Amino acid sequence: MMTSYLIAAKSLHHHLRRGRMVVMDDGTLTEQDRALLRHHLGDPQILSLADVDVGPCPRGGTWERLLTILDIAADDYVIQLDSDTVTIGPVPHIEEAIDANRCFTLLGAETPARTIMDVHEFQACSFPDGEPTAEDREGHIQGATESVLTRLAIEGLDRPRYVRGCSGFAGFARGSNRRLAMSFSQAAGAILGADRWKEWGTEQITSNFVIANSDDAVVLPPSSYENYWGTPSSDDVRFLHFIGTYRWHAWEYQRRSLAAIKALDRAAGEEARAA
């Protein structure tokens, strides 16, 4: 996992050429791991999940990560990056989002529309006849939450928006904070029930909602920023997120990772010669 994380972090930084790293320690980092992080990532700040105050939000399921990101984003632009990703080319859309201080999201699976939508539009687009069924409400937590979006009352939002994004790669504009995430969590948990709202996936749904309701958020073009599902990538792919077991499909992750490592080696050699 450490190797995968270093490939993800260093390949993005190689193409973005800016930023510092902040690492969330779930309690498993060893001293050897920390030494590797210091060597490869310029002595990153390492925070402990156990120290995060989640307030009224669930604990676990990456909630500590989201809330920490939103706390840091009060003063700095923050990118959330999963370790099962590889950046394989220039990322001008990310540079533009940072420069304009706009949130961005990678699109998620089975996205009904490749844009940010009013929650009523999203529901009409997502469910047969525009109305969720009992199966929708009782199924996976993503569909269950999306089925009640129009029923949520969020203070300060007259026309809430939503996008089915993927929190494996997302940008949070400077000036963000956790208030909206906490309000959404409390509203959704009140309707779905506390036990359901503890399920894996609620953090990603909340991340989607926070990004969608930020000013001028950007949906990354899926032809360039892809979730890998075992099918050939487009000719213009810049970034790949290897979902679940698809990391091991057809050796694609290994091939892309080796290419990224070689690019990093070449860049290091060129910098050494220039020095």
C-alpha atoms as a PDB file:
ATOM      1  CA  MET A   1       0.000   0.000   0.000  1.00  0.00           C
ATOM      2  CA  MET A   2       2.863   2.404   0.733  1.00  0.00           C
ATOM      3  CA  THR A   3       4.245   1.898  -2.776  1.00  0.00           C
ATOM      4  CA  SER A   4       0.827   2.550  -4.295  1.00  0.00           C
ATOM      5  CA  TYR A   5       0.406   5.712  -2.264  1.00  0.00           C
ATOM      6  CA  LEU A   6       3.813   7.040  -3.294  1.00  0.00           C
ATOM      7  CA  ILE A   7       3.020   6.364  -6.967  1.00  0.00           C
ATOM      8  CA  ALA A   8      -0.292   8.226  -6.611  1.00  0.00           C
ATOM      9  CA  ALA A   9       1.184  11.209  -4.772  1.00  0.00           C
ATOM     10  CA  LYS A  10       4.386  11.575  -6.773  1.00  0.00           C
ATOM     11  CA  SER A  11       2.795  11.098 -10.194  1.00  0.00           C
ATOM     12  CA  LEU A  12       0.245  13.843  -9.464  1.00  0.00           C
ATOM     13  CA  HIS A  13       2.891  16.198  -8.095  1.00  0.00           C
ATOM     14  CA  HIS A  14       5.128  15.502 -11.102  1.00  0.00           C
ATOM     15  CA  HIS A  15       2.458  16.850 -13.460  1.00  0.00           C
ATOM     16  CA  LEU A  16       0.962  19.509 -11.163  1.00  0.00           C
ATOM     17  CA  ARG A  17       4.303  20.881  -9.929  1.00  0.00           C
ATOM     18  CA  ARG A  18       2.870  22.594  -6.866  1.00  0.00           C
ATOM     19  CA  GLY A  19       1.569  21.909  -3.377  1.00  0.00           C
ATOM     20  CA  ARG A  20       2.602  20.148  -0.196  1.00  0.00           C
ATOM     21  CA  MET A  21       1.474  16.788   1.128  1.00  0.00           C
ATOM     22  CA  VAL A  22      -0.673  16.071   4.166  1.00  0.00           C
ATOM     23  CA  VAL A  23      -1.048  12.406   5.108  1.00  0.00           C
ATOM     24  CA  MET A  24      -3.761  10.844   7.273  1.00  0.00           C
ATOM     25  CA  ASP A  25      -2.437   8.058   9.493  1.00  0.00           C
ATOM     26  CA  ASP A  26      -5.059   5.450  10.347  1.00  0.00           C
ATOM     27  CA  GLY A  27      -2.775   4.059  13.039  1.00  0.00           C
ATOM     28  CA  THR A  28      -0.886   1.597  10.841  1.00  0.00           C
ATOM     29  CA  LEU A  29       2.072   3.759   9.770  1.00  0.00           C
ATOM     30  CA  THR A  30       5.376   2.387  11.036  1.00  0.00           C
ATOM     31  CA  GLU A  31       8.571   4.373  11.607  1.00  0.00           C
ATOM     32  CA  GLN A  32       9.884   2.911   8.352  1.00  0.00           C
ATOM     33  CA  ASP A  33       6.749   4.156   6.576  1.00  0.00           C
ATOM     34  CA  ARG A  34       7.220   7.624   8.028  1.00  0.00           C
ATOM     35  CA  ALA A  35      10.852   7.678   6.925  1.00  0.00           C
ATOM     36  CA  LEU A  36       9.804   6.774   3.372  1.00  0.00           C
ATOM     37  CA  LEU A  37       7.190   9.532   3.366  1.00  0.00           C
ATOM     38  CA  ARG A  38       9.742  12.079   4.589  1.00  0.00           C
ATOM     39  CA  HIS A  39      12.226  11.036   1.915  1.00  0.00           C
ATOM     40  CA  HIS A  40       9.828  10.972  -1.037  1.00  0.00           C
ATOM     41  CA  LEU A  41       7.281  13.671  -0.161  1.00  0.00           C
ATOM     42  CA  GLY A  42       9.347  16.457   1.338  1.00  0.00           C
ATOM     43  CA  ASP A  43       8.624  15.775   5.023  1.00  0.00           C
ATOM     44  CA  PRO A  44       4.811  15.872   4.798  1.00  0.00           C
ATOM     45  CA  GLN A  45       2.530  16.783   7.654  1.00  0.00           C
ATOM     46  CA  ILE A  46       1.164  13.548   9.149  1.00  0.00           C
ATOM     47  CA  LEU A  47      -2.137  13.728  11.016  1.00  0.00           C
ATOM     48  CA  SER A  48      -3.784  11.003  13.075  1.00  0.00           C
ATOM     49  CA  LEU A  49      -7.343   9.917  12.364  1.00  0.00           C
ATOM     50  CA  ALA A  50      -7.775   9.251  16.074  1.00  0.00           C
ATOM     51  CA  ASP A  51      -7.274  12.954  16.833  1.00  0.00           C
ATOM     52  CA  VAL A  52     -10.023  14.221  14.510  1.00  0.00           C
ATOM     53  CA  ASP A  53     -13.115  15.656  16.181  1.00  0.00           C
ATOM     54  CA  VAL A  54     -15.987  14.453  13.983  1.00  0.00           C
ATOM     55  CA  GLY A  55     -18.654  16.322  15.960  1.00  0.00           C
ATOM     56  CA  PRO A  56     -22.149  15.040  15.065  1.00  0.00           C
ATOM     57  CA  CYS A  57     -20.876  13.195  11.963  1.00  0.00           C
ATOM     58  CA  PRO A  58     -20.125   9.443  11.869  1.00  0.00           C
ATOM     59  CA  ARG A  59     -16.704   8.155  12.820  1.00  0.00           C
ATOM     60  CA  GLY A  60     -14.890   5.874  10.383  1.00  0.00           C
ATOM     61  CA  GLY A  61     -15.560   5.269   6.706  1.00  0.00           C
ATOM     62  CA  THR A  62     -13.200   8.160   5.746  1.00  0.00           C
ATOM     63  CA  TRP A  63     -15.292  10.782   7.554  1.00  0.00           C
ATOM     64  CA  GLU A  64     -12.206  11.919   9.456  1.00  0.00           C
ATOM     65  CA  ARG A  65     -10.502  12.535   6.127  1.00  0.00           C
ATOM     66  CA  LEU A  66     -13.309  14.699   4.719  1.00  0.00           C
ATOM     67  CA  LEU A  67     -13.672  16.802   7.855  1.00  0.00           C
ATOM     68  CA  THR A  68      -9.914  17.340   8.091  1.00  0.00           C
ATOM     69  CA  ILE A  69      -9.819  18.395   4.435  1.00  0.00           C
ATOM     70  CA  LEU A  70     -12.588  20.921   5.024  1.00  0.00           C
ATOM     71  CA  ASP A  71     -10.797  22.277   8.092  1.00  0.00           C
ATOM     72  CA  ILE A  72      -7.556  22.755   6.130  1.00  0.00           C
ATOM     73  CA  ALA A  73      -9.480  24.213   3.182  1.00  0.00           C
ATOM     74  CA  ALA A  74     -10.467  27.202   5.302  1.00  0.00           C
ATOM     75  CA  ASP A  75      -7.058  28.629   4.387  1.00  0.00           C
ATOM     76  CA  ASP A  76      -5.680  26.463   1.565  1.00  0.00           C
ATOM     77  CA  TYR A  77      -6.874  24.747  -1.600  1.00  0.00           C
ATOM     78  CA  VAL A  78      -6.948  20.992  -0.859  1.00  0.00           C
ATOM     79  CA  ILE A  79      -6.966  17.967  -3.180  1.00  0.00           C
ATOM     80  CA  GLN A  80      -8.133  14.596  -1.904  1.00  0.00           C
ATOM     81  CA  LEU A  81      -6.161  11.823  -3.610  1.00  0.00           C
ATOM     82  CA  ASP A  82      -6.687   8.073  -3.162  1.00  0.00           C
ATOM     83  CA  SER A  83      -3.750   5.680  -3.321  1.00  0.00           C
ATOM     84  CA  ASP A  84      -5.321   3.616  -6.131  1.00  0.00           C
ATOM     85  CA  THR A  85      -4.727   6.378  -8.688  1.00  0.00           C
ATOM     86  CA  VAL A  86      -2.069   7.206 -11.259  1.00  0.00           C
ATOM     87  CA  THR A  87      -1.591  10.565 -12.993  1.00  0.00           C
ATOM     88  CA  ILE A  88      -0.264   9.845 -16.460  1.00  0.00           C
ATOM     89  CA  GLY A  89      -0.278  13.203 -18.232  1.00  0.00           C
ATOM     90  CA  PRO A  90      -0.624  16.969 -17.856  1.00  0.00           C
ATOM     91  CA  VAL A  91      -3.621  18.060 -15.767  1.00  0.00           C
ATOM     92  CA  PRO A  92      -4.564  21.554 -17.012  1.00  0.00           C
ATOM     93  CA  HIS A  93      -8.129  21.235 -15.702  1.00  0.00           C
ATOM     94  CA  ILE A  94      -6.768  20.813 -12.172  1.00  0.00           C
ATOM     95  CA  GLU A  95      -4.408  23.762 -12.578  1.00  0.00           C
ATOM     96  CA  GLU A  96      -7.281  25.935 -13.805  1.00  0.00           C
ATOM     97  CA  ALA A  97      -9.520  24.880 -10.898  1.00  0.00           C
ATOM     98  CA  ILE A  98      -6.813  25.747  -8.368  1.00  0.00           C
ATOM     99  CA  ASP A  99      -6.033  29.083 -10.010  1.00  0.00           C
ATOM    100  CA  ALA A 100      -9.735  30.014 -10.079  1.00  0.00           C
ATOM    101  CA  ASN A 101     -10.315  28.584  -6.569  1.00  0.00           C
ATOM    102  CA  ARG A 102     -13.077  26.261  -7.795  1.00  0.00           C
ATOM    103  CA  CYS A 103     -13.906  22.851  -6.359  1.00  0.00           C
ATOM    104  CA  PHE A 104     -13.699  19.885  -8.728  1.00  0.00           C
ATOM    105  CA  THR A 105     -14.815  16.272  -8.760  1.00  0.00           C
ATOM    106  CA  LEU A 106     -14.107  13.113 -10.667  1.00  0.00           C
ATOM    107  CA  LEU A 107     -17.373  11.620 -11.926  1.00  0.00           C
ATOM    108  CA  GLY A 108     -18.649   8.525 -10.159  1.00  0.00           C
ATOM    109  CA  ALA A 109     -20.115   5.300 -11.450  1.00  0.00           C
ATOM    110  CA  GLU A 110     -23.417   5.121 -13.354  1.00  0.00           C
ATOM    111  CA  THR A 111     -23.672   8.887 -13.362  1.00  0.00           C
ATOM    112  CA  PRO A 112     -27.078   9.943 -14.736  1.00  0.00           C
ATOM    113  CA  ALA A 113     -25.763  13.268 -15.974  1.00  0.00           C
ATOM    114  CA  ARG A 114     -22.249  14.593 -16.390  1.00  0.00           C
ATOM    115  CA  THR A 115     -22.979  17.859 -14.665  1.00  0.00           C
ATOM    116  CA  ILE A 116     -24.013  19.409 -11.366  1.00  0.00           C
ATOM    117  CA  MET A 117     -27.786  19.549 -11.048  1.00  0.00           C
ATOM    118  CA  ASP A 118     -30.550  20.915  -8.857  1.00  0.00           C
ATOM    119  CA  VAL A 119     -31.596  18.026  -6.580  1.00  0.00           C
ATOM    120  CA  HIS A 120     -35.052  17.908  -8.176  1.00  0.00           C
ATOM    121  CA  GLU A 121     -33.475  17.616 -11.623  1.00  0.00           C
ATOM    122  CA  PHE A 122     -31.110  14.962 -10.318  1.00  0.00           C
ATOM    123  CA  GLN A 123     -33.950  12.899  -8.894  1.00  0.00           C
ATOM    124  CA  ALA A 124     -35.951  13.145 -12.119  1.00  0.00           C
ATOM    125  CA  CYS A 125     -32.885  12.026 -14.068  1.00  0.00           C
ATOM    126  CA  SER A 126     -31.881   9.233 -11.684  1.00  0.00           C
ATOM    127  CA  PHE A 127     -35.083   7.356 -10.900  1.00  0.00           C
ATOM    128  CA  PRO A 128     -37.782   5.835 -13.140  1.00  0.00           C
ATOM    129  CA  ASP A 129     -40.618   8.311 -13.622  1.00  0.00           C
ATOM    130  CA  GLY A 130     -38.665  10.664 -11.359  1.00  0.00           C
ATOM    131  CA  GLU A 131     -39.815   8.860  -8.227  1.00  0.00           C
ATOM    132  CA  PRO A 132     -37.613   6.570  -6.095  1.00  0.00           C
ATOM    133  CA  THR A 133     -38.994   3.135  -5.329  1.00  0.00           C
ATOM    134  CA  ALA A 134     -38.947   1.294  -1.999  1.00  0.00           C
ATOM    135  CA  GLU A 135     -36.042  -0.720  -3.388  1.00  0.00           C
ATOM    136  CA  ASP A 136     -34.136   2.497  -4.072  1.00  0.00           C
ATOM    137  CA  ARG A 137     -34.706   3.685  -0.521  1.00  0.00           C
ATOM    138  CA  GLU A 138     -33.738   0.371   1.054  1.00  0.00           C
ATOM    139  CA  GLY A 139     -30.790  -0.493  -1.204  1.00  0.00           C
ATOM    140  CA  HIS A 140     -27.195   0.748  -1.273  1.00  0.00           C
ATOM    141  CA  ILE A 141     -26.621   3.812   0.889  1.00  0.00           C
ATOM    142  CA  GLN A 142     -25.776   5.955  -2.162  1.00  0.00           C
ATOM    143  CA  GLY A 143     -29.097   5.295  -3.865  1.00  0.00           C
ATOM    144  CA  ALA A 144     -30.940   5.496  -0.563  1.00  0.00           C
ATOM    145  CA  THR A 145     -29.488   8.935   0.178  1.00  0.00           C
ATOM    146  CA  GLU A 146     -29.976  10.201  -3.365  1.00  0.00           C
ATOM    147  CA  SER A 147     -33.613   9.137  -3.135  1.00  0.00           C
ATOM    148  CA  VAL A 148     -34.264  11.569  -0.270  1.00  0.00           C
ATOM    149  CA  LEU A 149     -32.217  14.566  -1.457  1.00  0.00           C
ATOM    150  CA  THR A 150     -35.346  16.585  -2.241  1.00  0.00           C
ATOM    151  CA  ARG A 151     -36.581  16.054   1.322  1.00  0.00           C
ATOM    152  CA  LEU A 152     -33.497  17.467   3.031  1.00  0.00           C
ATOM    153  CA  ALA A 153     -33.756  20.907   4.585  1.00  0.00           C
ATOM    154  CA  ILE A 154     -30.296  22.473   4.668  1.00  0.00           C
ATOM    155  CA  GLU A 155     -29.994  25.870   6.309  1.00  0.00           C
ATOM    156  CA  GLY A 156     -28.780  28.513   3.884  1.00  0.00           C
ATOM    157  CA  LEU A 157     -29.572  26.492   0.737  1.00  0.00           C
ATOM    158  CA  ASP A 158     -32.791  27.403  -1.063  1.00  0.00           C
ATOM    159  CA  ARG A 159     -31.968  25.356  -4.174  1.00  0.00           C
ATOM    160  CA  PRO A 160     -29.472  22.644  -3.201  1.00  0.00           C
ATOM    161  CA  ARG A 161     -27.484  20.916  -5.939  1.00  0.00           C
ATOM    162  CA  TYR A 162     -25.887  17.491  -6.268  1.00  0.00           C
ATOM    163  CA  VAL A 163     -23.445  15.584  -8.450  1.00  0.00           C
ATOM    164  CA  ARG A 164     -22.674  11.872  -8.388  1.00  0.00           C
ATOM    165  CA  GLY A 165     -18.938  12.272  -8.021  1.00  0.00           C
ATOM    166  CA  CYS A 166     -16.103  10.153  -6.712  1.00  0.00           C
ATOM    167  CA  SER A 167     -14.192  11.243  -3.621  1.00  0.00           C
ATOM    168  CA  GLY A 168     -11.119   9.317  -4.787  1.00  0.00           C
ATOM    169  CA  PHE A 169     -10.028  12.529  -6.531  1.00  0.00           C
ATOM    170  CA  ALA A 170     -11.645  15.803  -5.564  1.00  0.00           C
ATOM    171  CA  GLY A 171     -10.637  19.428  -5.065  1.00  0.00           C
ATOM    172  CA  PHE A 172     -11.890  21.725  -2.313  1.00  0.00           C
ATOM    173  CA  ALA A 173     -11.659  25.471  -2.785  1.00  0.00           C
ATOM    174  CA  ARG A 174      -9.959  27.729  -0.293  1.00  0.00           C
ATOM    175  CA  GLY A 175     -12.578  29.134   2.057  1.00  0.00           C
ATOM    176  CA  SER A 176     -14.478  25.852   2.435  1.00  0.00           C
ATOM    177  CA  ASN A 177     -15.388  24.624   5.903  1.00  0.00           C
ATOM    178  CA  ARG A 178     -17.148  21.731   7.547  1.00  0.00           C
ATOM    179  CA  ARG A 179     -20.443  23.460   8.360  1.00  0.00           C
ATOM    180  CA  LEU A 180     -22.261  22.326   5.199  1.00  0.00           C
ATOM    181  CA  ALA A 181     -20.966  18.760   5.557  1.00  0.00           C
ATOM    182  CA  MET A 182     -22.208  18.619   9.144  1.00  0.00           C
ATOM    183  CA  SER A 183     -25.620  20.056   8.235  1.00  0.00           C
ATOM    184  CA  PHE A 184     -26.034  17.592   5.386  1.00  0.00           C
ATOM    185  CA  SER A 185     -24.941  14.686   7.592  1.00  0.00           C
ATOM    186  CA  GLN A 186     -27.422  15.561  10.305  1.00  0.00           C
ATOM    187  CA  ALA A 187     -30.283  16.057   7.830  1.00  0.00           C
ATOM    188  CA  ALA A 188     -29.624  12.805   5.958  1.00  0.00           C
ATOM    189  CA  GLY A 189     -29.094  10.834   9.159  1.00  0.00           C
ATOM    190  CA  ALA A 190     -32.387  12.099  10.562  1.00  0.00           C
ATOM    191  CA  ILE A 191     -34.286  10.716   7.567  1.00  0.00           C
ATOM    192  CA  LEU A 192     -32.326   7.523   6.895  1.00  0.00           C
ATOM    193  CA  GLY A 193     -31.614   6.631  10.514  1.00  0.00           C
ATOM    194  CA  ALA A 194     -28.393   6.685  12.505  1.00  0.00           C
ATOM    195  CA  ASP A 195     -27.464   3.073  11.719  1.00  0.00           C
ATOM    196  CA  ARG A 196     -27.797   3.519   7.965  1.00  0.00           C
ATOM    197  CA  TRP A 197     -25.904   6.783   8.066  1.00  0.00           C
ATOM    198  CA  LYS A 198     -22.900   4.990   9.552  1.00  0.00           C
ATOM    199  CA  GLU A 199     -22.559   2.785   6.457  1.00  0.00           C
ATOM    200  CA  TRP A 200     -19.563   3.009   4.142  1.00  0.00           C
ATOM    201  CA  GLY A 201     -20.157   5.562   1.416  1.00  0.00           C
ATOM    202  CA  THR A 202     -21.863   8.352   3.353  1.00  0.00           C
ATOM    203  CA  GLU A 203     -18.651  10.413   3.335  1.00  0.00           C
ATOM    204  CA  GLN A 204     -18.474  10.282  -0.469  1.00  0.00           C
ATOM    205  CA  ILE A 205     -22.112  11.340  -0.800  1.00  0.00           C
ATOM    206  CA  THR A 206     -21.452  14.253   1.535  1.00  0.00           C
ATOM    207  CA  SER A 207     -18.325  15.200  -0.412  1.00  0.00           C
ATOM    208  CA  ASN A 208     -20.425  15.247  -3.587  1.00  0.00           C
ATOM    209  CA  PHE A 209     -22.994  17.507  -1.948  1.00  0.00           C
ATOM    210  CA  VAL A 210     -20.408  19.924  -0.556  1.00  0.00           C
ATOM    211  CA  ILE A 211     -18.671  20.264  -3.923  1.00  0.00           C
ATOM    212  CA  ALA A 212     -21.925  20.639  -5.862  1.00  0.00           C
ATOM    213  CA  ASN A 213     -23.019  23.500  -3.620  1.00  0.00           C
ATOM    214  CA  SER A 214     -19.750  25.427  -3.851  1.00  0.00           C
ATOM    215  CA  ASP A 215     -19.376  28.346  -6.244  1.00  0.00           C
ATOM    216  CA  ASP A 216     -18.662  27.394  -9.873  1.00  0.00           C
ATOM    217  CA  ALA A 217     -17.562  23.829  -9.144  1.00  0.00           C
ATOM    218  CA  VAL A 218     -15.976  21.861 -11.996  1.00  0.00           C
ATOM    219  CA  VAL A 219     -16.855  18.357 -13.193  1.00  0.00           C
ATOM    220  CA  LEU A 220     -13.703  16.893 -14.726  1.00  0.00           C
ATOM    221  CA  PRO A 221     -14.081  15.672 -18.329  1.00  0.00           C
ATOM    222  CA  PRO A 222     -14.459  11.877 -18.102  1.00  0.00           C
ATOM    223  CA  SER A 223     -12.445  11.326 -21.283  1.00  0.00           C
ATOM    224  CA  SER A 224      -9.369  12.686 -19.476  1.00  0.00           C
ATOM    225  CA  TYR A 225     -10.021  11.770 -15.838  1.00  0.00           C
ATOM    226  CA  GLU A 226     -11.367   8.248 -15.612  1.00  0.00           C
ATOM    227  CA  ASN A 227     -12.478   5.608 -13.192  1.00  0.00           C
ATOM    228  CA  TYR A 228     -11.023   2.401 -14.621  1.00  0.00           C
ATOM    229  CA  TRP A 229     -13.605  -0.355 -15.073  1.00  0.00           C
ATOM    230  CA  GLY A 230     -11.590  -2.767 -17.187  1.00  0.00           C
ATOM    231  CA  THR A 231     -12.268  -1.165 -20.567  1.00  0.00           C
ATOM    232  CA  PRO A 232      -9.713   0.639 -22.774  1.00  0.00           C
ATOM    233  CA  SER A 233      -9.052   4.255 -21.798  1.00  0.00           C
ATOM    234  CA  SER A 234      -9.502   7.169 -24.156  1.00  0.00           C
ATOM    235  CA  ASP A 235      -6.581   8.578 -26.128  1.00  0.00           C
ATOM    236  CA  ASP A 236      -6.708  11.740 -24.010  1.00  0.00           C
ATOM    237  CA  VAL A 237      -6.626  10.113 -20.576  1.00  0.00           C
ATOM    238  CA  ARG A 238      -4.592  12.084 -18.007  1.00  0.00           C
ATOM    239  CA  PHE A 239      -5.634  10.428 -14.744  1.00  0.00           C
ATOM    240  CA  LEU A 240      -6.873   6.958 -13.806  1.00  0.00           C
ATOM    241  CA  HIS A 241      -8.625   5.813 -10.646  1.00  0.00           C
ATOM    242  CA  PHE A 242      -8.530   2.029 -10.362  1.00  0.00           C
ATOM    243  CA  ILE A 243     -11.769   0.976  -8.685  1.00  0.00           C
ATOM    244  CA  GLY A 244     -11.647  -2.016  -6.326  1.00  0.00           C
ATOM    245  CA  THR A 245     -10.507  -5.248  -7.917  1.00  0.00           C
ATOM    246  CA  TYR A 246     -10.045  -3.502 -11.280  1.00  0.00           C
ATOM    247  CA  ARG A 247      -6.627  -2.478  -9.994  1.00  0.00           C
ATOM    248  CA  TRP A 248      -5.582  -6.011 -10.901  1.00  0.00           C
ATOM    249  CA  HIS A 249      -7.406  -6.279 -14.224  1.00  0.00           C
ATOM    250  CA  ALA A 250      -5.290  -7.042 -17.294  1.00  0.00           C
ATOM    251  CA  TRP A 251      -2.136  -5.636 -15.631  1.00  0.00           C
ATOM    252  CA  GLU A 252      -3.278  -2.113 -16.508  1.00  0.00           C
ATOM    253  CA  TYR A 253      -2.479  -0.638 -13.100  1.00  0.00           C
ATOM    254  CA  GLN A 254       0.972  -2.202 -13.107  1.00  0.00           C
ATOM    255  CA  ARG A 255       1.665  -0.957 -16.630  1.00  0.00           C
ATOM    256  CA  ARG A 256       0.570   2.594 -15.842  1.00  0.00           C
ATOM    257  CA  SER A 257       2.477   2.595 -12.551  1.00  0.00           C
ATOM    258  CA  LEU A 258       5.720   1.448 -14.158  1.00  0.00           C
ATOM    259  CA  ALA A 259       5.382   4.154 -16.809  1.00  0.00           C
ATOM    260  CA  ALA A 260       4.863   6.764 -14.068  1.00  0.00           C
ATOM    261  CA  ILE A 261       7.929   5.519 -12.169  1.00  0.00           C
ATOM    262  CA  LYS A 262      10.061   5.736 -15.318  1.00  0.00           C
ATOM    263  CA  ALA A 263       8.829   9.292 -15.935  1.00  0.00           C
ATOM    264  CA  LEU A 264       9.752  10.238 -12.375  1.00  0.00           C
ATOM    265  CA  ASP A 265      13.213   8.687 -12.810  1.00  0.00           C
ATOM    266  CA  ARG A 266      13.777  10.632 -16.038  1.00  0.00           C
ATOM    267  CA  ALA A 267      12.696  13.876 -14.392  1.00  0.00           C
ATOM    268  CA  ALA A 268      15.003  13.270 -11.427  1.00  0.00           C
ATOM    269  CA  GLY A 269      17.900  12.588 -13.786  1.00  0.00           C
ATOM    270  CA  GLU A 270      17.258  15.772 -15.743  1.00  0.00           C
ATOM    271  CA  GLU A 271      17.113  17.826 -12.550  1.00  0.00           C
ATOM    272  CA  ALA A 272      20.366  16.290 -11.316  1.00  0.00           C
ATOM    273  CA  ARG A 273      22.138  17.096 -14.580  1.00  0.00           C
ATOM    274  CA  ALA A 274      20.785  20.648 -14.561  1.00  0.00           C
ATOM    275  CA  ALA A 275      22.106  21.146 -11.041  1.00  0.00           C
END
